[in-house]
Protein backbone atom coordinates (compact mmCIF):
# COMPACT_ATOMS: atom_id res chain seq x y z
CA MET A 1 -21.41 93.74 -32.93
CA LEU A 2 -19.07 96.52 -32.58
CA ARG A 3 -15.66 95.32 -33.78
CA LEU A 4 -12.36 97.26 -32.34
CA SER A 5 -9.90 96.60 -34.51
CA THR A 6 -5.80 97.49 -33.99
CA THR A 7 -4.17 100.00 -36.49
CA ASP A 8 -1.07 100.60 -37.68
CA ALA A 9 0.01 96.67 -37.94
CA SER A 10 0.54 96.55 -33.80
CA ARG A 11 -0.24 93.54 -31.62
CA MET A 12 -3.18 94.03 -29.25
CA ALA A 13 -1.41 94.05 -26.35
CA GLU A 14 0.67 97.04 -27.45
CA ASN A 15 -1.97 98.94 -29.28
CA SER A 16 -3.37 102.16 -27.73
CA LEU A 17 -5.91 103.18 -30.69
CA PHE A 18 -8.70 100.63 -31.95
CA ALA A 19 -10.73 101.47 -35.12
CA ALA A 20 -14.83 100.90 -34.71
CA HIS A 21 -16.61 99.20 -37.18
CA TYR A 22 -20.50 98.39 -36.88
CA GLY A 23 -21.30 94.76 -38.25
CA GLY A 24 -22.01 91.20 -37.91
CA GLY A 25 -22.97 88.33 -40.46
CA GLU A 26 -26.70 88.82 -40.85
CA ALA A 27 -26.27 92.24 -40.84
CA ASN A 28 -23.68 92.51 -43.50
CA VAL A 29 -26.00 90.40 -45.54
CA ALA A 30 -28.84 92.45 -45.40
CA ILE A 31 -26.58 95.70 -46.08
CA SER A 32 -25.51 93.78 -49.25
CA LEU A 33 -28.86 92.84 -50.54
CA ALA A 34 -29.83 96.55 -49.60
CA ASN A 35 -27.22 97.92 -51.87
CA TYR A 36 -28.51 95.62 -54.67
CA GLY A 37 -31.90 97.35 -54.35
CA HIS A 38 -33.62 94.73 -52.58
CA PRO A 39 -36.30 95.31 -49.73
CA VAL A 40 -34.25 93.86 -46.64
CA SER A 41 -35.00 93.74 -42.92
CA PHE A 42 -32.95 93.21 -40.00
CA ALA A 43 -33.86 91.37 -36.86
CA SER A 44 -31.84 91.72 -33.65
CA LEU A 45 -31.80 93.19 -29.95
CA VAL A 46 -29.57 95.79 -29.26
CA PRO A 47 -29.03 98.01 -25.74
CA GLU A 48 -31.12 100.88 -25.77
CA ASN A 49 -27.95 103.50 -25.34
CA PRO A 50 -25.59 105.34 -28.09
CA LEU A 51 -24.07 102.15 -29.05
CA GLY A 52 -27.27 100.58 -29.84
CA GLN A 53 -28.40 103.95 -31.46
CA ALA A 54 -25.29 103.67 -33.76
CA VAL A 55 -25.81 100.06 -34.77
CA LYS A 56 -29.46 101.55 -36.10
CA GLN A 57 -28.08 104.26 -37.74
CA HIS A 58 -25.39 102.05 -39.48
CA LEU A 59 -27.88 100.04 -40.88
CA GLN A 60 -30.63 102.68 -42.17
CA LYS A 61 -27.80 104.34 -43.80
CA TYR A 62 -27.70 101.70 -46.40
CA GLY A 63 -31.31 101.46 -46.69
CA VAL A 64 -31.89 98.51 -44.20
CA ASP A 65 -35.65 98.50 -42.46
CA CYS A 66 -35.18 98.25 -38.69
CA SER A 67 -38.67 97.81 -37.89
CA LEU A 68 -37.72 94.47 -36.29
CA LEU A 69 -34.51 95.96 -34.70
CA LYS A 70 -35.68 95.58 -30.87
CA MET A 71 -34.09 97.46 -28.00
CA GLY A 72 -33.69 96.17 -24.69
CA GLY A 73 -30.74 94.89 -22.28
CA GLU A 74 -27.54 96.59 -21.28
CA ARG A 75 -24.63 95.43 -23.52
CA LEU A 76 -23.70 95.31 -27.48
CA GLY A 77 -21.88 92.28 -28.34
CA THR A 78 -18.01 93.49 -29.18
CA TYR A 79 -15.06 91.59 -30.28
CA TYR A 80 -11.28 92.81 -31.18
CA LEU A 81 -9.43 92.28 -34.04
CA GLU A 82 -5.63 92.16 -34.10
CA THR A 83 -5.29 92.76 -37.83
CA GLY A 84 -2.88 90.47 -39.49
CA ILE A 85 0.20 91.32 -41.60
CA GLY A 86 2.48 89.53 -43.50
CA LEU A 87 3.32 85.90 -41.91
CA ARG A 88 0.95 86.93 -39.11
CA SER A 89 -2.53 85.95 -39.24
CA SER A 90 -5.38 88.06 -37.73
CA ASN A 91 -6.60 87.15 -34.30
CA VAL A 92 -10.14 87.62 -32.56
CA VAL A 93 -11.04 88.16 -28.90
CA TYR A 94 -14.71 87.81 -28.21
CA ASP A 95 -16.28 90.01 -25.45
CA ARG A 96 -19.89 89.21 -26.41
CA LYS A 97 -21.08 87.43 -23.00
CA TYR A 98 -24.25 88.98 -21.35
CA SER A 99 -24.94 91.01 -24.73
CA SER A 100 -28.39 91.73 -24.80
CA PHE A 101 -28.94 89.50 -27.78
CA ALA A 102 -27.10 86.43 -26.30
CA SER A 103 -28.73 86.68 -22.90
CA THR A 104 -32.35 87.53 -23.56
CA SER A 105 -34.66 85.27 -21.71
CA GLU A 106 -37.61 85.24 -24.40
CA LEU A 107 -37.54 85.62 -28.24
CA PRO A 108 -37.79 89.14 -29.13
CA TRP A 109 -40.47 88.67 -31.99
CA ASP A 110 -43.10 86.17 -32.70
CA PHE A 111 -42.84 84.25 -35.81
CA GLN A 112 -45.65 85.96 -37.49
CA GLU A 113 -44.11 89.28 -37.05
CA LEU A 114 -40.63 87.72 -38.55
CA LEU A 115 -41.82 85.96 -41.72
CA ALA A 116 -44.84 88.29 -42.84
CA ASP A 117 -44.14 89.13 -46.55
CA THR A 118 -40.83 87.34 -46.08
CA GLU A 119 -39.18 85.38 -49.44
CA VAL A 120 -35.93 84.22 -47.77
CA LEU A 121 -34.94 83.86 -44.36
CA MET A 122 -31.00 84.32 -43.78
CA LEU A 123 -29.46 82.44 -40.61
CA SER A 124 -26.18 82.08 -38.96
CA GLY A 125 -24.83 79.14 -37.09
CA ILE A 126 -23.08 82.01 -35.17
CA THR A 127 -26.50 82.92 -33.76
CA ALA A 128 -27.08 79.14 -32.54
CA ALA A 129 -23.43 79.20 -30.94
CA LEU A 130 -24.55 82.08 -28.32
CA SER A 131 -26.78 79.96 -25.77
CA ALA A 132 -28.89 76.97 -25.68
CA ASP A 133 -31.99 79.21 -25.87
CA TRP A 134 -30.62 80.80 -29.18
CA ARG A 135 -29.81 77.06 -30.69
CA GLN A 136 -33.53 75.97 -29.87
CA TRP A 137 -35.11 79.34 -31.30
CA THR A 138 -33.02 79.33 -34.73
CA LEU A 139 -34.33 75.61 -35.29
CA ASP A 140 -37.94 76.70 -34.60
CA LEU A 141 -37.49 79.56 -36.58
CA ALA A 142 -36.25 77.66 -39.18
CA LYS A 143 -39.03 74.90 -39.00
CA ALA A 144 -41.62 78.05 -38.93
CA ALA A 145 -40.18 79.44 -42.00
CA LYS A 146 -40.68 76.06 -43.95
CA GLU A 147 -44.25 75.74 -42.63
CA GLN A 148 -45.16 79.04 -44.18
CA GLY A 149 -43.33 78.44 -47.64
CA VAL A 150 -40.34 80.91 -46.86
CA LYS A 151 -36.96 79.72 -48.30
CA VAL A 152 -34.33 79.40 -45.55
CA GLY A 153 -30.80 80.27 -45.63
CA LEU A 154 -27.85 79.07 -43.61
CA ASP A 155 -24.39 80.29 -43.19
CA ILE A 156 -22.76 77.51 -40.91
CA ASN A 157 -20.03 80.41 -39.93
CA TYR A 158 -18.70 77.76 -37.60
CA ARG A 159 -16.54 79.60 -34.75
CA GLY A 160 -14.32 77.51 -32.68
CA LYS A 161 -13.70 80.00 -29.87
CA LEU A 162 -17.76 79.79 -29.58
CA TRP A 163 -18.66 76.13 -29.39
CA SER A 164 -17.13 72.84 -30.40
CA VAL A 165 -17.12 71.18 -33.64
CA GLU A 166 -19.59 68.33 -31.59
CA GLU A 167 -21.84 71.01 -30.87
CA CYS A 168 -21.87 72.54 -34.27
CA GLY A 169 -22.09 69.61 -35.92
CA ALA A 170 -25.22 68.33 -33.60
CA PHE A 171 -26.94 71.42 -34.73
CA VAL A 172 -26.54 71.83 -38.11
CA ARG A 173 -27.74 68.36 -39.03
CA GLU A 174 -30.83 68.76 -37.01
CA VAL A 175 -31.43 72.11 -38.90
CA ALA A 176 -30.02 71.09 -42.61
CA GLY A 177 -33.71 69.12 -42.91
CA TYR A 178 -35.33 73.10 -43.07
CA VAL A 179 -32.52 74.72 -45.37
CA ASP A 180 -32.89 75.27 -49.18
CA TYR A 181 -29.89 77.34 -49.58
CA LEU A 182 -26.37 76.01 -47.54
CA SER A 183 -23.16 77.86 -47.30
CA ALA A 184 -20.82 75.13 -46.80
CA ALA A 185 -17.35 73.80 -47.94
CA ARG A 186 -15.34 70.82 -47.69
CA LEU A 187 -14.64 71.06 -44.25
CA ASP A 188 -18.01 71.37 -43.24
CA ALA A 189 -18.89 68.48 -44.90
CA LEU A 190 -16.18 66.37 -43.02
CA ASN A 191 -16.78 67.91 -39.89
CA PHE A 192 -20.47 68.37 -39.43
CA PHE A 193 -22.13 66.12 -42.03
CA LYS A 194 -19.34 63.06 -41.42
CA VAL A 195 -19.44 62.88 -45.09
CA PRO A 196 -16.63 60.19 -45.81
CA GLU A 197 -13.58 61.84 -47.32
CA LYS A 198 -12.31 60.99 -50.90
CA ALA A 199 -9.02 61.62 -52.00
CA ASP A 200 -10.12 62.47 -55.80
CA GLY A 201 -13.48 64.06 -54.56
CA ASP A 202 -14.10 67.33 -55.64
CA LEU A 203 -16.41 69.89 -53.87
CA GLY A 204 -19.32 68.56 -56.13
CA TYR A 205 -19.07 64.91 -54.37
CA TYR A 206 -19.30 66.67 -50.96
CA TYR A 207 -22.55 68.31 -52.18
CA GLN A 208 -23.82 65.25 -53.81
CA GLU A 209 -23.16 63.18 -50.54
CA ILE A 210 -24.75 65.88 -48.24
CA GLN A 211 -28.21 66.36 -50.83
CA ALA A 212 -28.65 62.95 -50.67
CA ARG A 213 -29.20 62.97 -46.97
CA TYR A 214 -31.05 66.26 -47.11
CA PRO A 215 -32.77 66.52 -50.68
CA ASN A 216 -34.54 69.88 -49.29
CA ILE A 217 -31.31 71.61 -49.82
CA GLN A 218 -31.58 73.35 -53.46
CA LEU A 219 -28.19 74.95 -53.75
CA PHE A 220 -24.80 74.85 -52.14
CA TYR A 221 -22.14 77.82 -52.04
CA ALA A 222 -18.63 78.66 -50.81
CA THR A 223 -15.46 80.16 -51.64
CA SER A 224 -12.04 78.73 -51.64
CA ARG A 225 -8.92 80.79 -51.11
CA GLU A 226 -5.20 80.33 -51.41
CA VAL A 227 -3.27 82.25 -48.99
CA ILE A 228 -0.32 83.52 -49.87
CA ASN A 229 0.21 86.14 -46.74
CA ALA A 230 -2.20 87.65 -44.50
CA ASN A 231 -2.39 90.68 -47.01
CA HIS A 232 -2.44 88.30 -50.19
CA ASN A 233 -4.97 85.90 -51.08
CA ARG A 234 -6.21 84.15 -54.21
CA LEU A 235 -10.12 83.67 -54.28
CA LYS A 236 -12.41 81.63 -56.16
CA GLY A 237 -16.27 80.95 -55.55
CA HIS A 238 -18.39 77.86 -55.95
CA LEU A 239 -21.84 76.97 -56.43
CA TYR A 240 -23.46 73.77 -56.79
CA GLN A 241 -27.20 73.39 -57.97
CA ASN A 242 -29.20 70.87 -60.08
CA GLY A 243 -26.07 68.37 -59.74
CA GLU A 244 -23.84 70.44 -61.32
CA LEU A 245 -20.63 72.44 -59.83
CA TYR A 246 -20.01 75.95 -61.34
CA THR A 247 -16.74 78.05 -60.35
CA SER A 248 -15.83 81.30 -60.88
CA GLY A 249 -12.87 82.68 -62.34
CA GLU A 250 -9.90 83.48 -59.99
CA TYR A 251 -9.29 86.88 -58.10
CA ASP A 252 -5.80 87.59 -57.45
CA ILE A 253 -6.05 90.09 -54.24
CA ALA A 254 -2.41 91.39 -53.79
CA TYR A 255 -3.36 93.89 -51.33
CA ILE A 256 -6.13 93.32 -48.90
CA VAL A 257 -7.62 96.17 -46.89
CA ASP A 258 -9.94 94.25 -44.72
CA ARG A 259 -10.81 90.92 -45.31
CA VAL A 260 -13.74 90.88 -42.51
CA GLY A 261 -17.32 90.38 -44.19
CA GLY A 262 -15.52 88.73 -47.40
CA GLY A 263 -17.81 85.50 -46.76
CA ASP A 264 -20.74 87.59 -46.07
CA ALA A 265 -20.21 89.70 -49.28
CA TYR A 266 -20.20 86.42 -51.06
CA THR A 267 -23.63 85.41 -49.44
CA GLY A 268 -25.24 88.81 -50.27
CA GLY A 269 -24.09 88.31 -53.95
CA VAL A 270 -25.44 84.53 -54.14
CA LEU A 271 -28.85 85.55 -52.88
CA HIS A 272 -28.99 88.46 -55.19
CA GLY A 273 -28.38 86.11 -57.66
CA ILE A 274 -31.46 83.99 -56.68
CA LEU A 275 -33.73 86.58 -56.10
CA SER A 276 -32.74 88.07 -59.44
CA GLY A 277 -33.13 85.03 -61.67
CA PHE A 278 -29.59 84.68 -62.69
CA GLU A 279 -28.21 81.37 -64.15
CA PRO A 280 -25.82 79.72 -62.02
CA GLN A 281 -22.72 80.72 -63.59
CA LYS A 282 -23.39 84.55 -63.74
CA THR A 283 -24.67 83.83 -59.76
CA VAL A 284 -21.07 82.30 -58.70
CA GLU A 285 -19.36 85.29 -60.93
CA PHE A 286 -21.21 87.96 -59.32
CA ALA A 287 -20.86 86.82 -55.91
CA THR A 288 -17.25 86.13 -56.18
CA LEU A 289 -16.21 89.52 -57.44
CA ALA A 290 -18.66 91.34 -54.71
CA SER A 291 -16.52 89.20 -52.05
CA ALA A 292 -13.05 90.09 -53.78
CA MET A 293 -14.35 93.91 -54.02
CA LYS A 294 -15.03 93.81 -50.29
CA HIS A 295 -11.60 92.99 -49.25
CA THR A 296 -10.66 96.66 -50.80
CA VAL A 297 -12.49 98.35 -48.23
CA ALA A 298 -12.60 99.04 -44.73
CA GLY A 299 -15.13 97.72 -42.24
CA ASP A 300 -17.39 94.66 -42.12
CA HIS A 301 -19.96 95.19 -45.04
CA ASN A 302 -19.88 95.52 -48.63
CA GLN A 303 -20.05 99.16 -49.89
CA PHE A 304 -20.65 98.41 -53.66
CA SER A 305 -23.79 98.61 -55.67
CA ALA A 306 -25.13 95.77 -58.20
CA GLU A 307 -24.23 98.44 -60.91
CA ASP A 308 -20.73 98.77 -59.60
CA ILE A 309 -20.14 94.78 -59.86
CA GLU A 310 -21.80 94.28 -63.04
CA GLU A 311 -19.69 97.01 -64.80
CA LEU A 312 -16.65 95.36 -63.41
CA LEU A 313 -17.72 92.02 -64.93
CA ARG A 314 -18.06 93.60 -67.82
CA SER A 315 -15.12 95.66 -68.17
CA GLY A 316 -12.77 94.17 -65.42
CA VAL A 317 -10.31 96.31 -63.03
CA LYS A 318 -8.86 99.07 -65.37
CA GLU A 319 -7.41 102.42 -64.94
CA ILE A 320 -8.90 105.55 -63.26
CA LYS A 321 -12.22 106.33 -64.65
CA ARG A 322 -12.52 109.77 -66.12
């Protein structure tokens, strides 16, 4: 997708200059994994015009394989972001109807092509929200991955401007039976899995309830944040595996440059930990710091290597490196 963001803290209706960034949930995760040294391919459909070419160049710059990136259609999905400041929250206006990806009438790949030599397939609920066809194709792809022994990751990524809680919940409950790694927090458990609320229930309780219904889910993860204002958040990460909840240290992000993509950076960190064989506590610490660091750079994607994050985990944030 193309993101067009306001600059200089202006309101969208008053703005005359927008900053352009390319991104999207799955693309951001792919870039994180490539930055960490993992071979990763990105599958999408973009128009065969300069904007579609810019998407390809953006991904290739970070080492993402684009052999599954198809060209066709006429529009690149776009959204406008009014960047929040202080008491004013950020606001999004979508302009993605009739995009090449959302309006395609047939799946651009066959499942064998998509899943060949694949260890983990990462899916997003945003894809399923785009059309009835994509909802079914996403479900079919998750089923095919499970049949071929490919691990399936799902980030629910609920967007209220794309579909309703009821529509999202129906999809999530259907696809969950094929998911191995699930990004979900307390509200996801309440709204989409209909887990009974428990006054003294920690996140582990909600994960236990979901796993009782879907024992195929091996790992759950989420972040929690305290929002002081639009530019100042406190961030923690959580990971649930083998009946135990792991929580990271807290990061006080006193000056947020760009919050967009913070969740994708966390997902990339979690997948890096899984693929690298980290212990759960190290995985959640790595992923949370990766997310916190994403808040310090402009654009949708993580711009740090595994070595960058590992060094910060060892030494902490200090003065200028000389």
